[in-house]
Amino acid sequence: MRLRPPLLLVLLAPACYSPDLGGDTTAWSTLSAGPTGDSSSGTTEPAGTTDAPEPTTASTSGWTTDASSTSGLDSTGTDPSDLTTTTEPGTSTTTTGVIPDPSCPRVRVLVPPGQVLNVRPQPSTAMAPVGSLAGGAIVDVLAIVQGEAIDGVDTWYQVAGNWPEGYVFGAWVECTTDEPSEAGFFLPLECGTTATVTQGNFGPFSHQGTSAYAFDFGLALGTPLVAIEEGTVSHAYGGTMPGDPCYDGGGMECINSANYVTLKHPDGTQSNYAHLSQVSVTVGQYVPRGAIVGLTGSTGWSTGPHAHVARQEGCGLAFCQSIAVQFADVAPDGVPDGGEVVTSQNCP
């Protein structure tokens, strides 16, 4: 039996409940999928015949809607004698490419805030995206190619990422020598934000079993939560809206109503952000470290507005066994205790 804390503690230390996967997992499995389903169905987008609708507009419903404009970026101007020509397997698209010179080791994504840039399996819009990149993301360039021309621009960049092969349209990126953001895990708060850890690892309210290594941060409703490390959205649910019975928290009957985001990180682990009032990303979207994933809330089984954040094993579900994490911006050991005040250095 789970005992409710005294009223005073509820007010001072909002908490959330996370069932132990070792027990009855029926409700937990339902929550991990959510009404939008898993990563194979959370974001779908038909293949286009033109990339005029690059990038896509992010929404809190788990779907993406194409924008309608493009902006120009001149082609690379590479000497044609240096190029090699290939035909994409299974298509009639002919591409001409060259390994980039040192002046373009990486590209930065230029899409407006709230939008994402599609990553295609070939330098054209003939096939559905294999991923997406948020504005400001910096990725390594593997090759510069000439592919489908859109508004007179036929430059595409083959970029490194969590896909077998991926290309981005040249009108929405710029070459850069800047390095990606520093690797490692940082607090899930915007740069300079201070918060109190209301429940740490092995906390007495609910951080046991599956959630043993989770953290609760006491934050006002609507405070931005950001990615603790770069990653790709594997699961997201934002269907609990204002006016719904479990939007402002509730008991066990609200267990499947928490809004959440789960990111998959380059090292194969995940991070989960739960009880959100608003989801700001979509499944398949690349999220740089420090970028907003959602706003704090009290949706689901919760006693008040707060942020529930945990690093997890990469089990393929939205909620997996939590694992230890050390935040690079928390001294001295990277692990804040319950009651400790922390200040984020999760800065772009």
Protein backbone atom coordinates (compact mmCIF):
# COMPACT_ATOMS: atom_id res chain seq x y z
CA MET A 1 0.00 0.00 0.00
CA ARG A 2 1.24 3.45 -0.84
CA LEU A 3 0.68 5.95 1.96
CA ARG A 4 -0.14 9.52 1.06
CA PRO A 5 2.19 12.05 2.73
CA PRO A 6 0.79 14.58 5.20
CA LEU A 7 -0.79 17.67 3.67
CA LEU A 8 2.18 19.85 4.61
CA LEU A 9 4.58 17.69 2.62
CA VAL A 10 2.24 17.62 -0.35
CA LEU A 11 2.38 21.39 -0.52
CA LEU A 12 6.12 21.65 -0.08
CA ALA A 13 7.25 18.67 -2.10
CA PRO A 14 4.99 17.69 -4.99
CA ALA A 15 5.52 14.09 -5.92
CA CYS A 16 4.57 11.61 -8.57
CA TYR A 17 4.03 7.87 -8.71
CA SER A 18 5.89 5.44 -10.94
CA PRO A 19 4.91 1.76 -10.66
CA ASP A 20 7.64 -0.87 -10.34
CA LEU A 21 8.00 -2.88 -13.55
CA GLY A 22 8.70 -5.88 -11.39
CA GLY A 23 5.07 -5.97 -10.27
CA ASP A 24 1.80 -5.53 -12.12
CA THR A 25 2.78 -3.78 -15.35
CA THR A 26 -0.64 -3.54 -16.98
CA ALA A 27 -1.20 0.15 -16.27
CA TRP A 28 2.47 0.96 -16.84
CA SER A 29 2.47 -0.65 -20.28
CA THR A 30 -0.60 1.37 -21.22
CA LEU A 31 1.06 4.57 -20.05
CA SER A 32 4.24 3.86 -21.98
CA ALA A 33 2.32 3.70 -25.23
CA GLY A 34 -0.20 6.46 -24.61
CA PRO A 35 -3.07 7.24 -26.94
CA THR A 36 -0.62 8.26 -29.69
CA GLY A 37 1.07 4.85 -29.73
CA ASP A 38 4.79 4.13 -29.83
CA SER A 39 7.58 5.60 -31.91
CA SER A 40 6.36 3.87 -35.05
CA SER A 41 3.07 5.76 -35.00
CA GLY A 42 3.60 8.90 -32.95
CA THR A 43 4.68 10.98 -35.93
CA THR A 44 3.82 10.12 -39.50
CA GLU A 45 4.30 12.17 -42.59
CA PRO A 46 3.57 11.25 -46.23
CA ALA A 47 6.46 11.29 -48.63
CA GLY A 48 6.40 14.45 -50.71
CA THR A 49 7.37 15.13 -54.28
CA THR A 50 9.00 18.44 -53.44
CA ASP A 51 10.86 19.72 -50.45
CA ALA A 52 9.18 23.10 -50.65
CA PRO A 53 7.47 21.87 -47.46
CA GLU A 54 10.79 21.44 -45.65
CA PRO A 55 10.91 22.01 -42.70
CA THR A 56 7.99 20.60 -40.73
CA THR A 57 6.16 22.41 -37.98
CA ALA A 58 6.27 20.78 -34.56
CA SER A 59 3.00 20.37 -32.66
CA THR A 60 1.98 19.11 -29.26
CA SER A 61 -0.33 16.52 -30.72
CA GLY A 62 2.43 14.22 -31.90
CA TRP A 63 2.06 15.02 -35.59
CA THR A 64 3.91 17.29 -37.99
CA THR A 65 2.53 19.68 -40.57
CA ASP A 66 4.59 20.85 -43.51
CA ALA A 67 5.39 24.52 -43.82
CA SER A 68 5.00 26.10 -47.21
CA SER A 69 8.11 28.12 -47.97
CA THR A 70 11.78 27.69 -48.66
CA SER A 71 14.72 30.02 -48.55
CA GLY A 72 17.71 29.84 -50.83
CA LEU A 73 21.24 28.71 -50.13
CA ASP A 74 23.58 28.84 -53.08
CA SER A 75 25.07 25.58 -54.31
CA THR A 76 28.58 24.72 -53.24
CA GLY A 77 30.12 25.71 -56.54
CA THR A 78 32.34 22.63 -56.52
CA ASP A 79 34.37 22.00 -59.66
CA PRO A 80 32.40 19.40 -61.67
CA SER A 81 35.61 17.53 -62.40
CA ASP A 82 35.87 16.65 -58.72
CA LEU A 83 32.43 15.07 -58.57
CA THR A 84 31.30 11.48 -58.80
CA THR A 85 27.89 10.51 -60.16
CA THR A 86 25.71 7.75 -58.73
CA THR A 87 22.14 6.60 -59.13
CA GLU A 88 20.13 6.04 -55.94
CA PRO A 89 19.08 2.36 -55.64
CA GLY A 90 15.47 1.78 -56.53
CA THR A 91 14.93 5.33 -57.79
CA SER A 92 15.58 7.40 -60.88
CA THR A 93 17.28 10.13 -58.84
CA THR A 94 20.82 10.78 -59.99
CA THR A 95 23.07 12.45 -57.46
CA THR A 96 26.46 14.04 -57.84
CA GLY A 97 28.61 14.26 -54.73
CA VAL A 98 31.97 15.13 -53.27
CA ILE A 99 33.46 14.74 -49.82
CA PRO A 100 33.39 18.22 -48.24
CA ASP A 101 36.53 20.26 -47.82
CA PRO A 102 37.66 21.49 -44.37
CA SER A 103 35.61 24.67 -44.72
CA CYS A 104 32.40 22.66 -44.31
CA PRO A 105 32.99 19.89 -41.75
CA ARG A 106 29.53 20.45 -40.23
CA VAL A 107 26.24 22.19 -40.96
CA ARG A 108 23.94 24.15 -38.66
CA VAL A 109 20.17 23.84 -39.13
CA LEU A 110 18.51 27.20 -39.90
CA VAL A 111 14.81 26.41 -39.49
CA PRO A 112 12.72 28.83 -37.36
CA PRO A 113 11.93 28.02 -33.70
CA GLY A 114 9.27 25.35 -33.34
CA GLN A 115 10.05 23.78 -36.70
CA VAL A 116 12.20 20.80 -37.68
CA LEU A 117 14.16 19.87 -40.79
CA ASN A 118 13.42 16.51 -42.40
CA VAL A 119 16.28 14.07 -42.93
CA ARG A 120 15.67 12.00 -46.06
CA PRO A 121 17.14 8.58 -46.97
CA GLN A 122 18.21 10.02 -50.33
CA PRO A 123 18.76 13.59 -51.62
CA SER A 124 15.17 14.03 -52.72
CA THR A 125 11.65 14.03 -51.32
CA ALA A 126 10.65 10.77 -53.01
CA MET A 127 10.75 8.79 -49.75
CA ALA A 128 9.50 9.47 -46.23
CA PRO A 129 11.88 11.10 -43.72
CA VAL A 130 14.13 8.92 -41.59
CA GLY A 131 14.49 11.58 -38.91
CA SER A 132 14.46 15.30 -38.24
CA LEU A 133 16.71 18.02 -36.85
CA ALA A 134 15.73 20.98 -34.71
CA GLY A 135 16.79 24.53 -35.41
CA GLY A 136 20.33 25.21 -34.26
CA ALA A 137 21.42 21.55 -34.37
CA ILE A 138 24.99 21.03 -35.60
CA VAL A 139 25.76 17.76 -37.37
CA ASP A 140 28.78 16.32 -39.18
CA VAL A 141 28.81 16.44 -42.99
CA LEU A 142 29.73 13.20 -44.74
CA ALA A 143 29.32 14.45 -48.31
CA ILE A 144 27.88 17.30 -50.38
CA VAL A 145 25.67 16.10 -53.20
CA GLN A 146 23.48 17.43 -55.96
CA GLY A 147 19.99 16.00 -55.85
CA GLU A 148 16.41 17.09 -56.37
CA ALA A 149 16.23 20.80 -57.25
CA ILE A 150 13.72 22.89 -55.30
CA ASP A 151 13.28 26.56 -56.18
CA GLY A 152 16.53 26.33 -58.13
CA VAL A 153 18.55 24.85 -55.25
CA ASP A 154 19.87 21.30 -55.81
CA THR A 155 22.46 21.10 -53.00
CA TRP A 156 21.94 18.43 -50.36
CA TYR A 157 24.19 17.39 -47.47
CA GLN A 158 24.70 13.83 -46.33
CA VAL A 159 24.87 14.09 -42.54
CA ALA A 160 25.80 11.77 -39.70
CA GLY A 161 23.07 10.65 -37.31
CA ASN A 162 20.94 7.81 -36.03
CA TRP A 163 20.03 6.58 -39.49
CA PRO A 164 21.69 4.29 -42.06
CA GLU A 165 21.96 7.18 -44.53
CA GLY A 166 20.48 10.67 -44.30
CA TYR A 167 20.39 13.87 -46.37
CA VAL A 168 19.17 17.40 -45.63
CA PHE A 169 18.14 20.05 -48.14
CA GLY A 170 20.76 22.77 -48.57
CA ALA A 171 18.36 25.72 -48.35
CA TRP A 172 17.82 25.11 -44.63
CA VAL A 173 21.42 24.68 -43.42
CA GLU A 174 24.71 26.56 -43.41
CA CYS A 175 28.28 25.32 -43.26
CA THR A 176 30.02 25.85 -39.94
CA THR A 177 33.24 24.97 -38.16
CA ASP A 178 31.50 25.24 -34.77
CA GLU A 179 31.51 22.12 -32.64
CA PRO A 180 28.31 20.50 -31.31
CA SER A 181 27.44 21.26 -27.70
CA GLU A 182 29.52 19.66 -24.96
CA ALA A 183 28.68 16.02 -24.35
CA GLY A 184 27.38 14.86 -20.99
CA PHE A 185 24.24 15.19 -18.90
CA PHE A 186 23.12 18.54 -17.50
CA LEU A 187 20.17 19.62 -15.36
CA PRO A 188 16.79 19.65 -17.18
CA LEU A 189 16.39 23.39 -16.59
CA GLU A 190 17.10 26.38 -18.79
CA CYS A 191 20.48 28.04 -18.34
CA GLY A 192 20.61 29.93 -15.03
CA THR A 193 17.35 28.52 -13.65
CA THR A 194 17.40 27.60 -9.94
CA ALA A 195 15.19 24.93 -8.41
CA THR A 196 14.87 22.76 -5.32
CA VAL A 197 15.09 18.99 -5.63
CA THR A 198 11.92 17.93 -3.82
CA GLN A 199 12.67 14.21 -4.18
CA GLY A 200 15.97 12.63 -5.11
CA ASN A 201 17.18 9.10 -5.77
CA PHE A 202 15.45 6.49 -3.60
CA GLY A 203 13.06 9.19 -2.36
CA PRO A 204 10.41 8.08 0.18
CA PHE A 205 7.32 9.18 -1.78
CA SER A 206 7.66 7.27 -5.04
CA HIS A 207 11.29 6.94 -6.14
CA GLN A 208 11.68 3.24 -5.57
CA GLY A 209 11.97 0.27 -7.92
CA THR A 210 11.64 1.44 -11.51
CA SER A 211 11.94 5.11 -10.50
CA ALA A 212 14.72 4.67 -7.94
CA TYR A 213 17.11 7.02 -9.78
CA ALA A 214 14.55 9.69 -10.72
CA PHE A 215 14.52 13.33 -9.59
CA ASP A 216 11.61 15.65 -8.81
CA PHE A 217 12.24 19.38 -9.20
CA GLY A 218 9.90 21.86 -7.52
CA LEU A 219 8.92 24.29 -10.28
CA ALA A 220 5.99 26.55 -11.04
CA LEU A 221 3.40 25.47 -13.58
CA GLY A 222 4.55 26.14 -17.14
CA THR A 223 8.31 26.26 -16.45
CA PRO A 224 10.31 25.09 -19.51
CA LEU A 225 12.02 21.71 -19.22
CA VAL A 226 15.02 21.08 -21.46
CA ALA A 227 16.90 18.03 -22.72
CA ILE A 228 19.59 16.81 -20.33
CA GLU A 229 21.57 15.57 -23.36
CA GLU A 230 21.02 15.64 -27.11
CA GLY A 231 18.74 12.95 -28.42
CA THR A 232 15.84 11.94 -30.62
CA VAL A 233 12.25 11.84 -29.39
CA SER A 234 11.26 8.18 -29.19
CA HIS A 235 7.92 8.63 -27.40
CA ALA A 236 5.68 11.59 -26.59
CA TYR A 237 2.15 12.07 -25.28
CA GLY A 238 0.42 15.39 -24.72
CA GLY A 239 -3.24 14.42 -24.78
CA THR A 240 -4.18 15.46 -21.24
CA MET A 241 -5.42 19.02 -21.67
CA PRO A 242 -6.76 21.80 -19.41
CA GLY A 243 -10.20 20.82 -18.16
CA ASP A 244 -9.45 17.10 -18.19
CA PRO A 245 -9.97 15.39 -14.81
CA CYS A 246 -6.27 14.51 -14.42
CA TYR A 247 -4.74 17.72 -15.79
CA ASP A 248 -4.21 19.17 -12.31
CA GLY A 249 -3.12 15.89 -10.76
CA GLY A 250 -5.00 13.09 -9.08
CA GLY A 251 -4.72 9.65 -7.56
CA MET A 252 -3.99 6.25 -9.05
CA GLU A 253 -6.93 6.59 -11.43
CA CYS A 254 -4.83 9.19 -13.30
CA ILE A 255 -1.79 6.94 -13.82
CA ASN A 256 -2.28 6.74 -17.58
CA SER A 257 -2.92 10.45 -18.03
CA ALA A 258 0.53 11.96 -17.50
CA ASN A 259 1.91 13.95 -20.44
CA TYR A 260 5.52 13.00 -21.12
CA VAL A 261 8.47 13.03 -23.49
CA THR A 262 11.16 10.35 -23.84
CA LEU A 263 14.45 11.03 -25.61
CA LYS A 264 16.89 8.42 -26.91
CA HIS A 265 20.51 9.52 -26.49
CA PRO A 266 23.57 8.67 -28.60
CA ASP A 267 24.86 6.28 -25.90
CA GLY A 268 21.70 4.17 -26.18
CA THR A 269 20.16 5.32 -22.89
CA GLN A 270 16.99 7.39 -22.56
CA SER A 271 15.68 10.27 -20.50
CA ASN A 272 12.07 10.81 -19.51
CA TYR A 273 10.25 14.04 -18.61
CA ALA A 274 6.83 13.45 -17.06
CA HIS A 275 3.72 15.26 -15.72
CA LEU A 276 4.05 17.97 -18.38
CA SER A 277 1.37 20.58 -18.96
CA GLN A 278 2.50 20.90 -22.57
CA VAL A 279 4.61 18.79 -24.93
CA SER A 280 6.79 20.86 -27.27
CA VAL A 281 8.40 18.18 -29.47
CA THR A 282 7.29 15.35 -31.75
CA VAL A 283 8.35 11.74 -32.22
CA GLY A 284 11.39 11.43 -34.47
CA GLN A 285 12.59 14.99 -33.81
CA TYR A 286 16.23 15.60 -32.97
CA VAL A 287 16.57 17.71 -29.80
CA PRO A 288 19.88 19.40 -28.93
CA ARG A 289 20.96 19.46 -25.31
CA GLY A 290 19.31 22.43 -23.60
CA ALA A 291 16.39 22.68 -26.06
CA ILE A 292 12.87 22.77 -24.64
CA VAL A 293 10.95 19.47 -24.62
CA GLY A 294 7.88 20.68 -22.72
CA LEU A 295 6.46 22.73 -19.86
CA THR A 296 6.06 21.56 -16.26
CA GLY A 297 2.68 20.54 -14.97
CA SER A 298 0.85 18.12 -12.70
CA THR A 299 -0.79 15.77 -15.19
CA GLY A 300 -1.36 12.17 -14.17
CA TRP A 301 -0.79 10.68 -10.73
CA SER A 302 0.71 13.77 -9.11
CA THR A 303 0.29 15.90 -5.99
CA GLY A 304 1.28 19.25 -7.51
CA PRO A 305 3.23 21.02 -10.29
CA HIS A 306 6.79 19.73 -10.59
CA ALA A 307 9.19 18.06 -13.02
CA HIS A 308 9.85 14.32 -12.85
CA VAL A 309 13.05 13.52 -14.77
CA ALA A 310 15.04 10.31 -15.03
CA ARG A 311 17.75 8.74 -17.12
CA GLN A 312 16.68 5.25 -18.17
CA GLU A 313 17.84 2.06 -19.76
CA GLY A 314 17.13 1.91 -23.48
CA CYS A 315 14.36 -0.67 -23.38
CA GLY A 316 12.38 0.67 -26.34
CA LEU A 317 9.38 1.82 -24.28
CA ALA A 318 8.53 5.28 -23.01
CA PHE A 319 9.16 4.28 -19.38
CA CYS A 320 12.05 1.96 -18.56
CA GLN A 321 14.14 1.13 -15.50
CA SER A 322 15.80 4.33 -14.26
CA ILE A 323 19.58 4.32 -13.97
CA ALA A 324 22.16 6.51 -12.26
CA VAL A 325 23.08 9.85 -13.81
CA GLN A 326 25.64 12.46 -12.84
CA PHE A 327 24.82 16.03 -13.85
CA ALA A 328 27.91 17.92 -15.02
CA ASP A 329 26.58 21.14 -13.46
CA VAL A 330 25.99 19.75 -9.97
CA ALA A 331 28.95 19.78 -7.57
CA PRO A 332 30.64 17.86 -6.13
CA ASP A 333 29.47 14.42 -7.30
CA GLY A 334 26.80 15.28 -9.89
CA VAL A 335 23.93 13.78 -7.86
CA PRO A 336 21.68 16.29 -6.04
CA ASP A 337 19.92 15.14 -2.87
CA GLY A 338 16.35 15.85 -1.79
CA GLY A 339 16.13 19.39 -0.45
CA GLU A 340 19.20 20.59 -2.34
CA VAL A 341 18.99 23.81 -4.38
CA VAL A 342 20.59 23.56 -7.83
CA THR A 343 21.30 26.06 -10.60
CA SER A 344 21.42 24.91 -14.18
CA GLN A 345 24.42 25.44 -16.43
CA ASN A 346 22.66 23.70 -19.30
CA CYS A 347 23.56 26.55 -21.63
CA PRO A 348 23.61 26.49 -25.45
